[in-house]
C-alpha atoms as a PDB file:
ATOM      1  CA  UNK A   1     212.625   9.464  57.885  1.00  0.00           C
ATOM      2  CA  UNK A   2     214.421  12.437  59.418  1.00  0.00           C
ATOM      3  CA  UNK A   3     211.812  12.662  62.185  1.00  0.00           C
ATOM      4  CA  UNK A   4     212.269   8.962  62.980  1.00  0.00           C
ATOM      5  CA  UNK A   5     216.047   9.344  63.194  1.00  0.00           C
ATOM      6  CA  UNK A   6     215.725  12.407  65.427  1.00  0.00           C
ATOM      7  CA  UNK A   7     213.245  10.585  67.652  1.00  0.00           C
ATOM      8  CA  UNK A   8     215.623   7.621  67.968  1.00  0.00           C
ATOM      9  CA  UNK A   9     218.558   9.900  68.801  1.00  0.00           C
ATOM     10  CA  UNK A  10     216.601  11.785  71.463  1.00  0.00           C
ATOM     11  CA  UNK A  11     215.227   8.546  72.906  1.00  0.00           C
ATOM     12  CA  UNK A  12     218.689   6.989  73.172  1.00  0.00           C
ATOM     13  CA  UNK A  13     220.260  10.166  74.564  1.00  0.00           C
ATOM     14  CA  UNK A  14     217.651  10.475  77.302  1.00  0.00           C
ATOM     15  CA  UNK A  15     218.330   6.905  78.418  1.00  0.00           C
ATOM     16  CA  UNK A  16     221.804   8.052  79.475  1.00  0.00           C
ATOM     17  CA  UNK A  17     220.625  10.629  81.989  1.00  0.00           C
ATOM     18  CA  UNK A  18     218.910   8.197  84.374  1.00  0.00           C
ATOM     19  CA  UNK A  19     221.977   6.307  85.594  1.00  0.00           C
ATOM     20  CA  UNK A  20     224.435   9.140  84.887  1.00  0.00           C
ATOM     21  CA  UNK A  21     223.770  10.957  88.167  1.00  0.00           C
ATOM     22  CA  UNK A  22     224.356   7.848  90.267  1.00  0.00           C
ATOM     23  CA  UNK A  23     227.481   6.940  88.306  1.00  0.00           C
ATOM     24  CA  UNK A  24     229.065  10.360  88.638  1.00  0.00           C
ATOM     25  CA  UNK A  25     228.348  10.670  92.357  1.00  0.00           C
ATOM     26  CA  UNK A  26     229.936   7.266  93.032  1.00  0.00           C
ATOM     27  CA  UNK A  27     233.138   8.203  91.200  1.00  0.00           C
ATOM     28  CA  UNK A  28     234.129  11.037  93.530  1.00  0.00           C
ATOM     29  CA  UNK A  29     235.121  11.043  97.220  1.00  0.00           C
ATOM     30  CA  UNK A  30     232.279  11.138  99.736  1.00  0.00           C
ATOM     31  CA  UNK A  31     232.940  14.704 100.875  1.00  0.00           C
ATOM     32  CA  UNK A  32     233.149  16.258  97.389  1.00  0.00           C
ATOM     33  CA  UNK A  33     230.712  14.516  95.032  1.00  0.00           C
ATOM     34  CA  UNK A  34     228.896  17.676  93.971  1.00  0.00           C
ATOM     35  CA  UNK A  35     232.097  19.585  93.209  1.00  0.00           C
ATOM     36  CA  UNK A  36     233.498  16.654  91.252  1.00  0.00           C
ATOM     37  CA  UNK A  37     230.308  16.141  89.276  1.00  0.00           C
ATOM     38  CA  UNK A  38     230.017  19.859  88.583  1.00  0.00           C
ATOM     39  CA  UNK A  39     233.569  20.166  87.268  1.00  0.00           C
ATOM     40  CA  UNK A  40     233.206  17.035  85.128  1.00  0.00           C
ATOM     41  CA  UNK A  41     229.896  18.132  83.633  1.00  0.00           C
ATOM     42  CA  UNK A  42     230.946  21.724  83.027  1.00  0.00           C
ATOM     43  CA  UNK A  43     234.191  20.725  81.319  1.00  0.00           C
ATOM     44  CA  UNK A  44     232.419  18.180  79.147  1.00  0.00           C
ATOM     45  CA  UNK A  45     229.452  20.345  78.262  1.00  0.00           C
ATOM     46  CA  UNK A  46     231.370  23.604  78.026  1.00  0.00           C
ATOM     47  CA  UNK A  47     234.532  22.630  76.226  1.00  0.00           C
ATOM     48  CA  UNK A  48     233.431  19.718  74.090  1.00  0.00           C
ATOM     49  CA  UNK A  49     229.792  20.691  73.576  1.00  0.00           C
ATOM     50  CA  UNK A  50     230.479  24.414  73.434  1.00  0.00           C
ATOM     51  CA  UNK A  51     232.924  24.118  70.573  1.00  0.00           C
ATOM     52  CA  UNK A  52     230.788  21.601  68.660  1.00  0.00           C
ATOM     53  CA  UNK A  53     228.963  24.168  66.485  1.00  0.00           C
ATOM     54  CA  UNK A  54     232.205  25.899  65.535  1.00  0.00           C
ATOM     55  CA  UNK A  55     234.064  22.681  64.760  1.00  0.00           C
ATOM     56  CA  UNK A  56     231.100  21.213  62.866  1.00  0.00           C
ATOM     57  CA  UNK A  57     230.794  24.376  60.781  1.00  0.00           C
ATOM     58  CA  UNK A  58     234.528  24.356  60.046  1.00  0.00           C
ATOM     59  CA  UNK A  59     234.364  20.702  58.980  1.00  0.00           C
ATOM     60  CA  UNK A  60     231.391  21.394  56.698  1.00  0.00           C
ATOM     61  CA  UNK A  61     233.188  24.363  55.124  1.00  0.00           C
ATOM     62  CA  UNK A  62     236.426  22.402  54.707  1.00  0.00           C
ATOM     63  CA  UNK A  63     234.800  19.327  53.176  1.00  0.00           C
ATOM     64  CA  UNK A  64     231.768  20.825  51.463  1.00  0.00           C
ATOM     65  CA  UNK A  65     229.695  17.937  52.810  1.00  0.00           C
ATOM     66  CA  UNK A  66     226.880  18.934  55.178  1.00  0.00           C
ATOM     67  CA  UNK A  67     226.847  15.462  56.717  1.00  0.00           C
ATOM     68  CA  UNK A  68     230.516  15.646  57.768  1.00  0.00           C
ATOM     69  CA  UNK A  69     229.918  18.174  60.560  1.00  0.00           C
ATOM     70  CA  UNK A  70     228.116  15.914  63.038  1.00  0.00           C
ATOM     71  CA  UNK A  71     231.003  13.443  62.970  1.00  0.00           C
ATOM     72  CA  UNK A  72     232.785  15.683  65.522  1.00  0.00           C
ATOM     73  CA  UNK A  73     230.219  14.808  68.171  1.00  0.00           C
ATOM     74  CA  UNK A  74     230.047  11.173  67.080  1.00  0.00           C
ATOM     75  CA  UNK A  75     233.830  10.811  67.418  1.00  0.00           C
ATOM     76  CA  UNK A  76     233.880  12.421  70.870  1.00  0.00           C
ATOM     77  CA  UNK A  77     230.966  10.261  72.018  1.00  0.00           C
ATOM     78  CA  UNK A  78     232.809   7.156  70.835  1.00  0.00           C
ATOM     79  CA  UNK A  79     236.052   8.200  72.499  1.00  0.00           C
ATOM     80  CA  UNK A  80     234.203   8.936  75.722  1.00  0.00           C
ATOM     81  CA  UNK A  81     232.556   5.514  75.659  1.00  0.00           C
ATOM     82  CA  UNK A  82     235.878   3.757  75.068  1.00  0.00           C
ATOM     83  CA  UNK A  83     237.729   5.710  77.763  1.00  0.00           C
ATOM     84  CA  UNK A  84     234.833   5.230  80.173  1.00  0.00           C
ATOM     85  CA  UNK A  85     234.675   1.496  79.573  1.00  0.00           C
ATOM     86  CA  UNK A  86     238.411   1.061  80.028  1.00  0.00           C
ATOM     87  CA  UNK A  87     239.244   3.476  82.843  1.00  0.00           C
ATOM     88  CA  UNK A  88     236.222   3.799  85.143  1.00  0.00           C
ATOM     89  CA  UNK A  89     236.808   1.994  88.438  1.00  0.00           C
ATOM     90  CA  UNK A  90     234.434  -0.604  89.841  1.00  0.00           C
ATOM     91  CA  UNK A  91     232.521   0.959  92.745  1.00  0.00           C
ATOM     92  CA  UNK A  92     230.511  -2.072  93.857  1.00  0.00           C
ATOM     93  CA  UNK A  93     230.959  -2.697  97.562  1.00  0.00           C
ATOM     94  CA  UNK A  94     232.624   0.655  98.229  1.00  0.00           C
ATOM     95  CA  UNK A  95     231.308   2.499 101.287  1.00  0.00           C
ATOM     96  CA  UNK A  96     229.634   5.736 100.195  1.00  0.00           C
ATOM     97  CA  UNK A  97     228.478   6.938 103.603  1.00  0.00           C
ATOM     98  CA  UNK A  98     230.035   9.964 105.300  1.00  0.00           C
END
């Protein structure tokens, strides 16, 4: 059962990375897409993902429940999805040539 859940999580997570590159490049001005994408990815991966083990361990220690730790990443993923759905601009029809 654990293997099936892990497989499903990895399968769903890898589906994100296909369109993510195109989405991120379209969100930034034409002259600075790589800088914008780099800053966005490094802040997200470094600050949120980097502190995940520490926060998850602290939550497990505080609650005594080993299943409470992963909720940190689940909450941030949910918040990111909500903010992304509400605040990302529509880029259809926008000129992306230099």
